[in-house]
Amino acid sequence: MTPMEHDTDEFLTSLSDTTTLKHGTRLSRPIQWIKAALKEFRTFPREAQLICLRALTIAGEGDKADIAKPMKGFGPGVFEVALPHRGDAFRVVYALQIDEALWVVHAFQKKSTRGIKTPKHQIDLIAARIKRLKQIAKETRE
């Protein structure tokens, strides 16, 4: 295994890479996860996880959940699931413009007590992960 392949394996994972088939027709995109995003997502309360997974499934089926909104500054195809839950705020960011999958690039509990704006360090992390995903997708196609 080359260093790049090892690096890629450490970066990517798949929670559910199965597609729903009906008479041989694909009905939804597979949901793929960046490992760090999945690790953080698993720290969310179980009920919050289920609500976010429902929103991701809706996105995978080609629609948009009520709690999802386009993420500003990333162009088309990047969305944020914003979930207020029992006094806390949880966020899951996914991208649709990378290959055929729905990629979950970041999950976090918003800790800021003022405003709804996503903190800059979170935005920078999301941007870096999307850039890396696009790089891996390009290398895979070559």
C-alpha atoms as a PDB file:
ATOM      1  CA  MET A   1       0.000   0.000   0.000  1.00  0.00           C
ATOM      2  CA  THR A   2       1.412   3.392  -0.971  1.00  0.00           C
ATOM      3  CA  PRO A   3       1.550   6.280   1.552  1.00  0.00           C
ATOM      4  CA  MET A   4      -1.230   8.043  -0.404  1.00  0.00           C
ATOM      5  CA  GLU A   5      -3.477   4.968  -0.227  1.00  0.00           C
ATOM      6  CA  HIS A   6      -2.835   4.650   3.510  1.00  0.00           C
ATOM      7  CA  ASP A   7      -3.569   8.355   4.009  1.00  0.00           C
ATOM      8  CA  THR A   8      -6.773   7.997   2.021  1.00  0.00           C
ATOM      9  CA  ASP A   9      -7.866   4.970   4.068  1.00  0.00           C
ATOM     10  CA  GLU A  10      -7.323   6.929   7.276  1.00  0.00           C
ATOM     11  CA  PHE A  11      -9.382   9.828   5.911  1.00  0.00           C
ATOM     12  CA  LEU A  12     -12.413   8.049   4.474  1.00  0.00           C
ATOM     13  CA  THR A  13     -14.924   5.560   5.763  1.00  0.00           C
ATOM     14  CA  SER A  14     -18.375   4.340   4.946  1.00  0.00           C
ATOM     15  CA  LEU A  15     -21.201   3.997   7.421  1.00  0.00           C
ATOM     16  CA  SER A  16     -23.617   2.859   4.781  1.00  0.00           C
ATOM     17  CA  ASP A  17     -22.417   2.289   1.269  1.00  0.00           C
ATOM     18  CA  THR A  18     -25.426   0.272   0.241  1.00  0.00           C
ATOM     19  CA  THR A  19     -27.843   1.661  -2.262  1.00  0.00           C
ATOM     20  CA  THR A  20     -31.532   0.979  -2.327  1.00  0.00           C
ATOM     21  CA  LEU A  21     -32.456  -0.965  -5.415  1.00  0.00           C
ATOM     22  CA  LYS A  22     -35.858  -1.522  -6.885  1.00  0.00           C
ATOM     23  CA  HIS A  23     -36.008  -3.424 -10.150  1.00  0.00           C
ATOM     24  CA  GLY A  24     -32.323  -2.613 -10.726  1.00  0.00           C
ATOM     25  CA  THR A  25     -32.792   1.159 -10.420  1.00  0.00           C
ATOM     26  CA  ARG A  26     -30.784   3.128  -7.913  1.00  0.00           C
ATOM     27  CA  LEU A  27     -33.078   5.115  -5.649  1.00  0.00           C
ATOM     28  CA  SER A  28     -30.571   6.851  -3.408  1.00  0.00           C
ATOM     29  CA  ARG A  29     -26.951   7.935  -3.139  1.00  0.00           C
ATOM     30  CA  PRO A  30     -24.698   5.992  -0.804  1.00  0.00           C
ATOM     31  CA  ILE A  31     -23.755   7.880   2.355  1.00  0.00           C
ATOM     32  CA  GLN A  32     -19.991   8.086   2.840  1.00  0.00           C
ATOM     33  CA  TRP A  33     -18.239   9.590   5.856  1.00  0.00           C
ATOM     34  CA  ILE A  34     -14.912  11.173   6.601  1.00  0.00           C
ATOM     35  CA  LYS A  35     -13.687   9.133   9.574  1.00  0.00           C
ATOM     36  CA  ALA A  36     -13.260  12.120  11.889  1.00  0.00           C
ATOM     37  CA  ALA A  37     -16.800  13.290  11.103  1.00  0.00           C
ATOM     38  CA  LEU A  38     -18.230   9.863  11.912  1.00  0.00           C
ATOM     39  CA  LYS A  39     -16.244   9.691  15.145  1.00  0.00           C
ATOM     40  CA  GLU A  40     -17.634  13.052  16.275  1.00  0.00           C
ATOM     41  CA  PHE A  41     -21.152  12.177  15.077  1.00  0.00           C
ATOM     42  CA  ARG A  42     -21.125   9.104  17.300  1.00  0.00           C
ATOM     43  CA  THR A  43     -20.717  11.390  20.347  1.00  0.00           C
ATOM     44  CA  PHE A  44     -24.091  13.041  19.624  1.00  0.00           C
ATOM     45  CA  PRO A  45     -27.038  11.928  21.766  1.00  0.00           C
ATOM     46  CA  ARG A  46     -28.779   8.924  20.163  1.00  0.00           C
ATOM     47  CA  GLU A  47     -31.964  10.876  19.401  1.00  0.00           C
ATOM     48  CA  ALA A  48     -29.950  13.641  17.696  1.00  0.00           C
ATOM     49  CA  GLN A  49     -28.109  10.997  15.641  1.00  0.00           C
ATOM     50  CA  LEU A  50     -31.385   9.493  14.439  1.00  0.00           C
ATOM     51  CA  ILE A  51     -32.817  12.865  13.421  1.00  0.00           C
ATOM     52  CA  CYS A  52     -29.627  13.772  11.531  1.00  0.00           C
ATOM     53  CA  LEU A  53     -29.490  10.347   9.841  1.00  0.00           C
ATOM     54  CA  ARG A  54     -33.082  10.846   8.711  1.00  0.00           C
ATOM     55  CA  ALA A  55     -32.089  14.213   7.182  1.00  0.00           C
ATOM     56  CA  LEU A  56     -29.105  12.584   5.418  1.00  0.00           C
ATOM     57  CA  THR A  57     -31.329   9.809   4.062  1.00  0.00           C
ATOM     58  CA  ILE A  58     -33.743  12.399   2.674  1.00  0.00           C
ATOM     59  CA  ALA A  59     -30.790  14.136   0.988  1.00  0.00           C
ATOM     60  CA  GLY A  60     -29.556  10.819  -0.398  1.00  0.00           C
ATOM     61  CA  GLU A  61     -32.983  10.296  -1.939  1.00  0.00           C
ATOM     62  CA  GLY A  62     -32.696  13.616  -3.761  1.00  0.00           C
ATOM     63  CA  ASP A  63     -34.703  15.889  -1.479  1.00  0.00           C
ATOM     64  CA  LYS A  64     -33.812  18.290   1.343  1.00  0.00           C
ATOM     65  CA  ALA A  65     -34.928  17.920   4.953  1.00  0.00           C
ATOM     66  CA  ASP A  66     -36.496  20.898   6.694  1.00  0.00           C
ATOM     67  CA  ILE A  67     -33.512  21.103   9.054  1.00  0.00           C
ATOM     68  CA  ALA A  68     -30.975  21.248   6.190  1.00  0.00           C
ATOM     69  CA  LYS A  69     -29.873  24.460   4.508  1.00  0.00           C
ATOM     70  CA  PRO A  70     -27.246  25.384   1.921  1.00  0.00           C
ATOM     71  CA  MET A  71     -23.927  26.206   3.546  1.00  0.00           C
ATOM     72  CA  LYS A  72     -22.862  29.684   2.499  1.00  0.00           C
ATOM     73  CA  GLY A  73     -19.425  30.184   1.010  1.00  0.00           C
ATOM     74  CA  PHE A  74     -19.005  26.697  -0.456  1.00  0.00           C
ATOM     75  CA  GLY A  75     -20.999  26.951  -3.661  1.00  0.00           C
ATOM     76  CA  PRO A  76     -23.805  24.625  -4.692  1.00  0.00           C
ATOM     77  CA  GLY A  77     -24.012  21.144  -3.267  1.00  0.00           C
ATOM     78  CA  VAL A  78     -22.777  21.732   0.297  1.00  0.00           C
ATOM     79  CA  PHE A  79     -25.440  21.640   3.009  1.00  0.00           C
ATOM     80  CA  GLU A  80     -25.630  21.878   6.772  1.00  0.00           C
ATOM     81  CA  VAL A  81     -28.074  19.964   8.925  1.00  0.00           C
ATOM     82  CA  ALA A  82     -28.757  22.290  11.858  1.00  0.00           C
ATOM     83  CA  LEU A  83     -30.398  20.544  14.791  1.00  0.00           C
ATOM     84  CA  PRO A  84     -31.361  22.278  18.016  1.00  0.00           C
ATOM     85  CA  HIS A  85     -31.742  19.474  20.557  1.00  0.00           C
ATOM     86  CA  ARG A  86     -32.510  19.814  24.276  1.00  0.00           C
ATOM     87  CA  GLY A  87     -30.748  23.150  24.611  1.00  0.00           C
ATOM     88  CA  ASP A  88     -27.741  22.129  22.505  1.00  0.00           C
ATOM     89  CA  ALA A  89     -27.011  22.680  18.820  1.00  0.00           C
ATOM     90  CA  PHE A  90     -25.664  19.913  16.576  1.00  0.00           C
ATOM     91  CA  ARG A  91     -24.419  20.326  13.017  1.00  0.00           C
ATOM     92  CA  VAL A  92     -23.699  17.848  10.225  1.00  0.00           C
ATOM     93  CA  VAL A  93     -22.204  19.124   6.969  1.00  0.00           C
ATOM     94  CA  TYR A  94     -22.539  17.116   3.774  1.00  0.00           C
ATOM     95  CA  ALA A  95     -21.469  17.560   0.167  1.00  0.00           C
ATOM     96  CA  LEU A  96     -23.298  16.320  -2.917  1.00  0.00           C
ATOM     97  CA  GLN A  97     -20.935  17.531  -5.637  1.00  0.00           C
ATOM     98  CA  ILE A  98     -18.209  14.904  -5.098  1.00  0.00           C
ATOM     99  CA  ASP A  99     -18.715  11.742  -7.158  1.00  0.00           C
ATOM    100  CA  GLU A 100     -22.029   9.899  -6.829  1.00  0.00           C
ATOM    101  CA  ALA A 101     -22.070   9.699  -3.049  1.00  0.00           C
ATOM    102  CA  LEU A 102     -23.386  11.966  -0.359  1.00  0.00           C
ATOM    103  CA  TRP A 103     -20.247  12.781   1.651  1.00  0.00           C
ATOM    104  CA  VAL A 104     -20.539  13.724   5.313  1.00  0.00           C
ATOM    105  CA  VAL A 105     -17.524  15.971   5.774  1.00  0.00           C
ATOM    106  CA  HIS A 106     -18.019  17.291   9.299  1.00  0.00           C
ATOM    107  CA  ALA A 107     -20.138  16.852  12.421  1.00  0.00           C
ATOM    108  CA  PHE A 108     -19.900  18.964  15.535  1.00  0.00           C
ATOM    109  CA  GLN A 109     -21.737  20.327  18.522  1.00  0.00           C
ATOM    110  CA  LYS A 110     -21.953  24.082  18.239  1.00  0.00           C
ATOM    111  CA  LYS A 111     -20.719  25.501  21.498  1.00  0.00           C
ATOM    112  CA  SER A 112     -20.974  29.217  20.783  1.00  0.00           C
ATOM    113  CA  THR A 113     -23.478  30.966  22.992  1.00  0.00           C
ATOM    114  CA  ARG A 114     -23.816  33.979  20.731  1.00  0.00           C
ATOM    115  CA  GLY A 115     -25.224  34.050  17.244  1.00  0.00           C
ATOM    116  CA  ILE A 116     -25.911  31.299  14.755  1.00  0.00           C
ATOM    117  CA  LYS A 117     -22.784  31.817  12.690  1.00  0.00           C
ATOM    118  CA  THR A 118     -20.549  28.770  12.309  1.00  0.00           C
ATOM    119  CA  PRO A 119     -17.140  29.475  13.913  1.00  0.00           C
ATOM    120  CA  LYS A 120     -14.264  30.217  11.511  1.00  0.00           C
ATOM    121  CA  HIS A 121     -12.166  27.241  12.633  1.00  0.00           C
ATOM    122  CA  GLN A 122     -15.088  24.953  11.757  1.00  0.00           C
ATOM    123  CA  ILE A 123     -15.469  26.618   8.331  1.00  0.00           C
ATOM    124  CA  ASP A 124     -11.733  26.199   7.681  1.00  0.00           C
ATOM    125  CA  LEU A 125     -11.899  22.516   8.620  1.00  0.00           C
ATOM    126  CA  ILE A 126     -14.896  21.932   6.329  1.00  0.00           C
ATOM    127  CA  ALA A 127     -13.108  23.684   3.447  1.00  0.00           C
ATOM    128  CA  ALA A 128      -9.957  21.597   3.960  1.00  0.00           C
ATOM    129  CA  ARG A 129     -11.921  18.344   4.046  1.00  0.00           C
ATOM    130  CA  ILE A 130     -13.888  19.167   0.897  1.00  0.00           C
ATOM    131  CA  LYS A 131     -10.653  20.095  -0.877  1.00  0.00           C
ATOM    132  CA  ARG A 132      -9.086  16.775   0.190  1.00  0.00           C
ATOM    133  CA  LEU A 133     -12.156  14.805  -0.908  1.00  0.00           C
ATOM    134  CA  LYS A 134     -12.085  16.441  -4.337  1.00  0.00           C
ATOM    135  CA  GLN A 135      -8.374  15.623  -4.619  1.00  0.00           C
ATOM    136  CA  ILE A 136      -8.991  11.969  -3.742  1.00  0.00           C
ATOM    137  CA  ALA A 137     -11.907  11.771  -6.190  1.00  0.00           C
ATOM    138  CA  LYS A 138      -9.731  13.210  -8.969  1.00  0.00           C
ATOM    139  CA  GLU A 139      -6.891  10.776  -8.227  1.00  0.00           C
ATOM    140  CA  THR A 140      -9.333   7.879  -8.216  1.00  0.00           C
ATOM    141  CA  ARG A 141     -10.668   8.795 -11.666  1.00  0.00           C
ATOM    142  CA  GLU A 142      -7.165   9.029 -13.159  1.00  0.00           C
END
